[in-house]
PDB file of N, CA and C in Angstrom:
ATOM      1  N   MET A   1     101.857  93.533 100.612  1.00  0.00           N
ATOM      2  CA  MET A   1     100.924  92.899 100.072  1.00  0.00           C
ATOM      3  C   MET A   1      99.905  92.964 101.707  1.00  0.00           C
ATOM      4  N   ILE A   2      98.653  93.271 101.635  1.00  0.00           N
ATOM      5  CA  ILE A   2      97.757  93.200 102.696  1.00  0.00           C
ATOM      6  C   ILE A   2      96.777  92.183 102.672  1.00  0.00           C
ATOM      7  N   THR A   3      96.114  91.862 103.592  1.00  0.00           N
ATOM      8  CA  THR A   3      95.266  90.937 103.904  1.00  0.00           C
ATOM      9  C   THR A   3      93.902  91.370 104.162  1.00  0.00           C
ATOM     10  N   LEU A   4      92.746  91.078 103.224  1.00  0.00           N
ATOM     11  CA  LEU A   4      91.446  92.258 103.404  1.00  0.00           C
ATOM     12  C   LEU A   4      90.354  90.606 103.064  1.00  0.00           C
ATOM     13  N   THR A   5      89.129  90.866 103.723  1.00  0.00           N
ATOM     14  CA  THR A   5      88.081  90.597 103.747  1.00  0.00           C
ATOM     15  C   THR A   5      87.254  90.833 102.824  1.00  0.00           C
ATOM     16  N   ARG A   6      86.493  90.288 101.849  1.00  0.00           N
ATOM     17  CA  ARG A   6      85.455  90.248 101.118  1.00  0.00           C
ATOM     18  C   ARG A   6      84.408  90.458 101.742  1.00  0.00           C
ATOM     19  N   LEU A   7      83.071  91.112 101.464  1.00  0.00           N
ATOM     20  CA  LEU A   7      81.875  91.147 102.391  1.00  0.00           C
ATOM     21  C   LEU A   7      81.228  89.829 102.485  1.00  0.00           C
ATOM     22  N   ASN A   8      81.699  88.656 101.380  1.00  0.00           N
ATOM     23  CA  ASN A   8      81.013  87.109 101.969  1.00  0.00           C
ATOM     24  C   ASN A   8      82.001  86.709 102.596  1.00  0.00           C
ATOM     25  N   GLY A   9      83.119  87.311 103.312  1.00  0.00           N
ATOM     26  CA  GLY A   9      83.876  86.450 104.181  1.00  0.00           C
ATOM     27  C   GLY A   9      85.105  85.880 104.124  1.00  0.00           C
ATOM     28  N   LYS A  10      85.476  85.918 102.601  1.00  0.00           N
ATOM     29  CA  LYS A  10      86.396  85.119 102.097  1.00  0.00           C
ATOM     30  C   LYS A  10      87.550  86.429 102.249  1.00  0.00           C
ATOM     31  N   LYS A  11      89.043  85.633 102.555  1.00  0.00           N
ATOM     32  CA  LYS A  11      90.216  86.461 103.089  1.00  0.00           C
ATOM     33  C   LYS A  11      90.663  86.551 101.440  1.00  0.00           C
ATOM     34  N   PHE A  12      91.702  87.665 101.011  1.00  0.00           N
ATOM     35  CA  PHE A  12      92.392  87.884 100.031  1.00  0.00           C
ATOM     36  C   PHE A  12      93.569  88.691 100.126  1.00  0.00           C
ATOM     37  N   VAL A  13      94.442  88.599  99.357  1.00  0.00           N
ATOM     38  CA  VAL A  13      95.682  89.296  99.434  1.00  0.00           C
ATOM     39  C   VAL A  13      95.867  90.345  98.080  1.00  0.00           C
ATOM     40  N   LEU A  14      96.048  91.276  98.873  1.00  0.00           N
ATOM     41  CA  LEU A  14      95.812  92.723  97.570  1.00  0.00           C
ATOM     42  C   LEU A  14      97.354  93.819  97.764  1.00  0.00           C
ATOM     43  N   ASN A  15      98.163  93.476  96.758  1.00  0.00           N
ATOM     44  CA  ASN A  15      99.226  94.514  96.550  1.00  0.00           C
ATOM     45  C   ASN A  15      98.907  95.828  96.644  1.00  0.00           C
ATOM     46  N   ALA A  16      99.086  96.532  98.014  1.00  0.00           N
ATOM     47  CA  ALA A  16      98.708  97.787  98.687  1.00  0.00           C
ATOM     48  C   ALA A  16      99.505  99.007  97.421  1.00  0.00           C
ATOM     49  N   ILE A  17     100.512  98.650  96.749  1.00  0.00           N
ATOM     50  CA  ILE A  17     101.146  99.553  95.872  1.00  0.00           C
ATOM     51  C   ILE A  17      99.971 100.078  94.804  1.00  0.00           C
ATOM     52  N   TYR A  18      99.027  99.335  94.837  1.00  0.00           N
ATOM     53  CA  TYR A  18      98.146  99.583  93.187  1.00  0.00           C
ATOM     54  C   TYR A  18      96.638 100.457  93.949  1.00  0.00           C
ATOM     55  N   ILE A  19      96.730 100.524  95.168  1.00  0.00           N
ATOM     56  CA  ILE A  19      95.672 101.483  95.482  1.00  0.00           C
ATOM     57  C   ILE A  19      95.476 102.876  95.224  1.00  0.00           C
ATOM     58  N   GLU A  20      94.650 103.135  94.742  1.00  0.00           N
ATOM     59  CA  GLU A  20      94.391 104.856  94.416  1.00  0.00           C
ATOM     60  C   GLU A  20      93.682 105.324  95.583  1.00  0.00           C
ATOM     61  N   GLN A  21      92.690 104.596  95.744  1.00  0.00           N
ATOM     62  CA  GLN A  21      91.609 105.260  96.735  1.00  0.00           C
ATOM     63  C   GLN A  21      90.766 104.353  97.662  1.00  0.00           C
ATOM     64  N   VAL A  22      90.449 104.812  98.905  1.00  0.00           N
ATOM     65  CA  VAL A  22      89.736 103.927  99.646  1.00  0.00           C
ATOM     66  C   VAL A  22      88.869 105.024 100.296  1.00  0.00           C
ATOM     67  N   GLU A  23      87.485 104.201  99.903  1.00  0.00           N
ATOM     68  CA  GLU A  23      86.041 105.309  99.940  1.00  0.00           C
ATOM     69  C   GLU A  23      85.221 104.437 101.147  1.00  0.00           C
ATOM     70  N   ALA A  24      84.542 105.167 101.651  1.00  0.00           N
ATOM     71  CA  ALA A  24      83.283 104.161 102.282  1.00  0.00           C
ATOM     72  C   ALA A  24      81.856 104.829 101.720  1.00  0.00           C
ATOM     73  N   PHE A  25      80.919 103.520 101.046  1.00  0.00           N
ATOM     74  CA  PHE A  25      79.950 104.060 100.292  1.00  0.00           C
ATOM     75  C   PHE A  25      78.467 103.340 101.081  1.00  0.00           C
ATOM     76  N   PRO A  26      78.456 102.984 102.185  1.00  0.00           N
ATOM     77  CA  PRO A  26      79.040 102.911 103.494  1.00  0.00           C
ATOM     78  C   PRO A  26      80.056 102.078 103.233  1.00  0.00           C
ATOM     79  N   ASP A  27      80.051 100.816 102.178  1.00  0.00           N
ATOM     80  CA  ASP A  27      80.902  99.618 102.526  1.00  0.00           C
ATOM     81  C   ASP A  27      82.121 100.315 102.094  1.00  0.00           C
ATOM     82  N   THR A  28      83.332  99.754 103.223  1.00  0.00           N
ATOM     83  CA  THR A  28      84.812 100.560 102.031  1.00  0.00           C
ATOM     84  C   THR A  28      84.855  99.809 100.860  1.00  0.00           C
ATOM     85  N   THR A  29      85.318 100.768 100.075  1.00  0.00           N
ATOM     86  CA  THR A  29      85.441 100.366  98.607  1.00  0.00           C
ATOM     87  C   THR A  29      86.832 100.697  98.139  1.00  0.00           C
ATOM     88  N   ILE A  30      87.666 100.004  97.852  1.00  0.00           N
ATOM     89  CA  ILE A  30      89.307 100.088  97.385  1.00  0.00           C
ATOM     90  C   ILE A  30      89.341 100.090  96.013  1.00  0.00           C
ATOM     91  N   THR A  31      89.659 101.396  95.292  1.00  0.00           N
ATOM     92  CA  THR A  31      89.799 101.802  93.661  1.00  0.00           C
ATOM     93  C   THR A  31      91.182 101.477  93.690  1.00  0.00           C
ATOM     94  N   LEU A  32      91.696 100.677  92.546  1.00  0.00           N
ATOM     95  CA  LEU A  32      92.925 100.300  92.568  1.00  0.00           C
ATOM     96  C   LEU A  32      93.232 101.219  91.082  1.00  0.00           C
ATOM     97  N   THR A  33      94.604 101.512  90.690  1.00  0.00           N
ATOM     98  CA  THR A  33      94.947 102.332  89.525  1.00  0.00           C
ATOM     99  C   THR A  33      94.488 101.952  88.523  1.00  0.00           C
ATOM    100  N   ASN A  34      94.126 100.547  87.952  1.00  0.00           N
ATOM    101  CA  ASN A  34      93.658 100.360  86.748  1.00  0.00           C
ATOM    102  C   ASN A  34      92.156 100.243  86.873  1.00  0.00           C
ATOM    103  N   GLY A  35      91.415 100.983  87.956  1.00  0.00           N
ATOM    104  CA  GLY A  35      90.031 101.072  87.912  1.00  0.00           C
ATOM    105  C   GLY A  35      89.467  99.759  88.297  1.00  0.00           C
ATOM    106  N   LYS A  36      89.796  98.998  88.951  1.00  0.00           N
ATOM    107  CA  LYS A  36      89.354  97.570  89.628  1.00  0.00           C
ATOM    108  C   LYS A  36      88.756  98.176  91.123  1.00  0.00           C
ATOM    109  N   LYS A  37      87.481  97.650  91.344  1.00  0.00           N
ATOM    110  CA  LYS A  37      87.360  98.037  92.785  1.00  0.00           C
ATOM    111  C   LYS A  37      87.059  96.589  93.644  1.00  0.00           C
ATOM    112  N   PHE A  38      87.211  96.758  95.013  1.00  0.00           N
ATOM    113  CA  PHE A  38      87.100  95.738  95.885  1.00  0.00           C
ATOM    114  C   PHE A  38      86.494  96.220  96.936  1.00  0.00           C
ATOM    115  N   VAL A  39      85.283  95.515  97.408  1.00  0.00           N
ATOM    116  CA  VAL A  39      84.501  95.753  98.336  1.00  0.00           C
ATOM    117  C   VAL A  39      84.870  95.125  99.629  1.00  0.00           C
ATOM    118  N   VAL A  40      85.281  95.913 100.690  1.00  0.00           N
ATOM    119  CA  VAL A  40      85.801  95.124 102.081  1.00  0.00           C
ATOM    120  C   VAL A  40      85.088  95.059 103.239  1.00  0.00           C
ATOM    121  N   ARG A  41      85.372  94.380 104.183  1.00  0.00           N
ATOM    122  CA  ARG A  41      84.621  94.239 105.519  1.00  0.00           C
ATOM    123  C   ARG A  41      85.383  95.353 106.595  1.00  0.00           C
ATOM    124  N   GLU A  42      86.805  95.475 106.448  1.00  0.00           N
ATOM    125  CA  GLU A  42      87.558  96.503 107.110  1.00  0.00           C
ATOM    126  C   GLU A  42      87.039  97.666 106.873  1.00  0.00           C
ATOM    127  N   SER A  43      87.367  98.577 107.791  1.00  0.00           N
ATOM    128  CA  SER A  43      86.811 100.190 107.893  1.00  0.00           C
ATOM    129  C   SER A  43      88.200 101.072 106.750  1.00  0.00           C
ATOM    130  N   VAL A  44      87.551 101.896 106.623  1.00  0.00           N
ATOM    131  CA  VAL A  44      88.894 102.636 105.579  1.00  0.00           C
ATOM    132  C   VAL A  44      89.984 102.705 106.630  1.00  0.00           C
ATOM    133  N   GLN A  45      89.768 103.176 107.790  1.00  0.00           N
ATOM    134  CA  GLN A  45      90.758 103.660 108.931  1.00  0.00           C
ATOM    135  C   GLN A  45      91.734 102.049 108.986  1.00  0.00           C
ATOM    136  N   GLU A  46      91.029 101.092 109.046  1.00  0.00           N
ATOM    137  CA  GLU A  46      91.578  99.713 109.141  1.00  0.00           C
ATOM    138  C   GLU A  46      92.451  99.538 108.060  1.00  0.00           C
ATOM    139  N   VAL A  47      91.954  99.858 106.856  1.00  0.00           N
ATOM    140  CA  VAL A  47      92.673  99.731 105.447  1.00  0.00           C
ATOM    141  C   VAL A  47      93.846 100.607 105.423  1.00  0.00           C
ATOM    142  N   ILE A  48      94.167 102.064 106.134  1.00  0.00           N
ATOM    143  CA  ILE A  48      94.976 102.940 105.970  1.00  0.00           C
ATOM    144  C   ILE A  48      95.716 102.298 106.809  1.00  0.00           C
ATOM    145  N   ALA A  49      95.791 101.795 108.182  1.00  0.00           N
ATOM    146  CA  ALA A  49      96.751 101.123 109.000  1.00  0.00           C
ATOM    147  C   ALA A  49      97.260  99.789 108.272  1.00  0.00           C
ATOM    148  N   LEU A  50      96.549  98.913 107.663  1.00  0.00           N
ATOM    149  CA  LEU A  50      97.341  97.887 106.805  1.00  0.00           C
ATOM    150  C   LEU A  50      98.503  98.649 105.999  1.00  0.00           C
ATOM    151  N   VAL A  51      97.945  99.720 105.135  1.00  0.00           N
ATOM    152  CA  VAL A  51      98.702 100.168 103.696  1.00  0.00           C
ATOM    153  C   VAL A  51      99.831 100.500 104.747  1.00  0.00           C
ATOM    154  N   SER A  52      99.871 101.682 105.629  1.00  0.00           N
ATOM    155  CA  SER A  52     100.793 102.079 106.371  1.00  0.00           C
ATOM    156  C   SER A  52     101.729 101.246 106.590  1.00  0.00           C
ATOM    157  N   SER A  53     101.508 100.210 107.436  1.00  0.00           N
ATOM    158  CA  SER A  53     102.389  99.423 107.906  1.00  0.00           C
ATOM    159  C   SER A  53     103.065  98.344 106.750  1.00  0.00           C
ATOM    160  N   PHE A  54     102.169  98.370 105.683  1.00  0.00           N
ATOM    161  CA  PHE A  54     103.152  97.636 104.625  1.00  0.00           C
ATOM    162  C   PHE A  54     104.212  98.440 103.912  1.00  0.00           C
ATOM    163  N   TYR A  55     103.715  99.735 103.674  1.00  0.00           N
ATOM    164  CA  TYR A  55     104.750 100.734 103.338  1.00  0.00           C
ATOM    165  C   TYR A  55     106.246 100.464 104.227  1.00  0.00           C
ATOM    166  N   ARG A  56     105.790 100.818 105.629  1.00  0.00           N
ATOM    167  CA  ARG A  56     106.926 100.537 106.570  1.00  0.00           C
ATOM    168  C   ARG A  56     107.884  99.278 106.128  1.00  0.00           C
ATOM    169  N   GLN A  57     107.263  98.360 106.303  1.00  0.00           N
ATOM    170  CA  GLN A  57     107.740  97.193 106.059  1.00  0.00           C
ATOM    171  C   GLN A  57     108.687  96.815 104.679  1.00  0.00           C
ATOM    172  N   VAL A  58     108.239  97.598 103.758  1.00  0.00           N
ATOM    173  CA  VAL A  58     109.370  97.581 102.589  1.00  0.00           C
ATOM    174  C   VAL A  58     109.999  99.019 102.259  1.00  0.00           C
ATOM    175  N   ALA A  59     109.987  99.614 103.685  1.00  0.00           N
ATOM    176  CA  ALA A  59     110.974 101.073 103.474  1.00  0.00           C
ATOM    177  C   ALA A  59     110.593 102.052 102.391  1.00  0.00           C
ATOM    178  N   VAL A  60     109.084 101.986 101.994  1.00  0.00           N
ATOM    179  CA  VAL A  60     108.826 103.367 101.434  1.00  0.00           C
ATOM    180  C   VAL A  60     108.413 104.303 102.112  1.00  0.00           C
ATOM    181  N   LEU A  61     107.913 104.172 103.399  1.00  0.00           N
ATOM    182  CA  LEU A  61     107.643 105.165 104.298  1.00  0.00           C
ATOM    183  C   LEU A  61     108.445 105.153 105.434  1.00  0.00           C
ATOM    184  N   ARG A  62     108.852 106.130 105.748  1.00  0.00           N
ATOM    185  CA  ARG A  62     109.835 106.216 106.744  1.00  0.00           C
ATOM    186  C   ARG A  62     109.187 107.367 107.886  1.00  0.00           C
ATOM    187  N   LEU A  63     109.273 107.320 109.360  1.00  0.00           N
ATOM    188  CA  LEU A  63     108.678 108.357 110.035  1.00  0.00           C
ATOM    189  C   LEU A  63     109.727 109.354 110.084  1.00  0.00           C
ATOM    190  N   PRO A  64     109.551 110.612 110.320  1.00  0.00           N
ATOM    191  CA  PRO A  64     110.568 111.916 110.262  1.00  0.00           C
ATOM    192  C   PRO A  64     111.301 111.424 112.091  1.00  0.00           C
ATOM    193  N   GLU A  65     112.452 111.769 112.047  1.00  0.00           N
ATOM    194  CA  GLU A  65     112.565 112.300 113.142  1.00  0.00           C
ATOM    195  C   GLU A  65     112.274 112.508 114.331  1.00  0.00           C
ATOM    196  N   GLY A  66     111.938 112.175 115.464  1.00  0.00           N
ATOM    197  CA  GLY A  66     111.186 112.489 116.426  1.00  0.00           C
ATOM    198  C   GLY A  66     109.740 112.032 116.619  1.00  0.00           C
ATOM    199  N   LEU A  67     109.110 111.288 115.391  1.00  0.00           N
ATOM    200  CA  LEU A  67     108.177 110.695 115.388  1.00  0.00           C
ATOM    201  C   LEU A  67     107.651 109.750 115.626  1.00  0.00           C
ATOM    202  N   GLY A  68     108.389 109.017 116.353  1.00  0.00           N
ATOM    203  CA  GLY A  68     108.192 107.470 116.609  1.00  0.00           C
ATOM    204  C   GLY A  68     108.910 106.440 116.091  1.00  0.00           C
ATOM    205  N   GLY A  69     109.717 107.216 115.147  1.00  0.00           N
ATOM    206  CA  GLY A  69     110.789 105.805 114.514  1.00  0.00           C
ATOM    207  C   GLY A  69     111.514 105.404 115.408  1.00  0.00           C
ATOM    208  N   SER A  70     112.116 104.128 115.036  1.00  0.00           N
ATOM    209  CA  SER A  70     112.939 103.677 115.691  1.00  0.00           C
ATOM    210  C   SER A  70     114.506 103.783 115.449  1.00  0.00           C
ATOM    211  N   GLU A  71     115.332 103.749 115.943  1.00  0.00           N
ATOM    212  CA  GLU A  71     116.918 104.032 115.714  1.00  0.00           C
ATOM    213  C   GLU A  71     117.184 103.567 114.600  1.00  0.00           C
ATOM    214  N   SER A  72     116.497 102.194 114.256  1.00  0.00           N
ATOM    215  CA  SER A  72     116.892 100.994 113.306  1.00  0.00           C
ATOM    216  C   SER A  72     116.261 101.699 111.763  1.00  0.00           C
ATOM    217  N   GLU A  73     115.295 102.596 111.864  1.00  0.00           N
ATOM    218  CA  GLU A  73     114.740 102.874 110.809  1.00  0.00           C
ATOM    219  C   GLU A  73     115.293 104.192 110.103  1.00  0.00           C
ATOM    220  N   LYS A  74     116.221 105.013 111.048  1.00  0.00           N
ATOM    221  CA  LYS A  74     117.125 106.355 110.537  1.00  0.00           C
ATOM    222  C   LYS A  74     118.193 105.694 109.672  1.00  0.00           C
TER     223      LYS A  74
END
């Protein structure tokens, strides 16, 4: 789960597994696999960083050897 901010300033938590695409229109728009869209204050790069961190936490994404992964991730 990642914490994001709606344009009105309210925080919400989104299950990153359901994110299909992230675009800037110029506001960052997140489209889920069910077609639902969320417009957030975070930049596309910030959303990508949050999603990548989430995937590392749930062990879905592992860094290949030699690319910065710690010994405990191998």
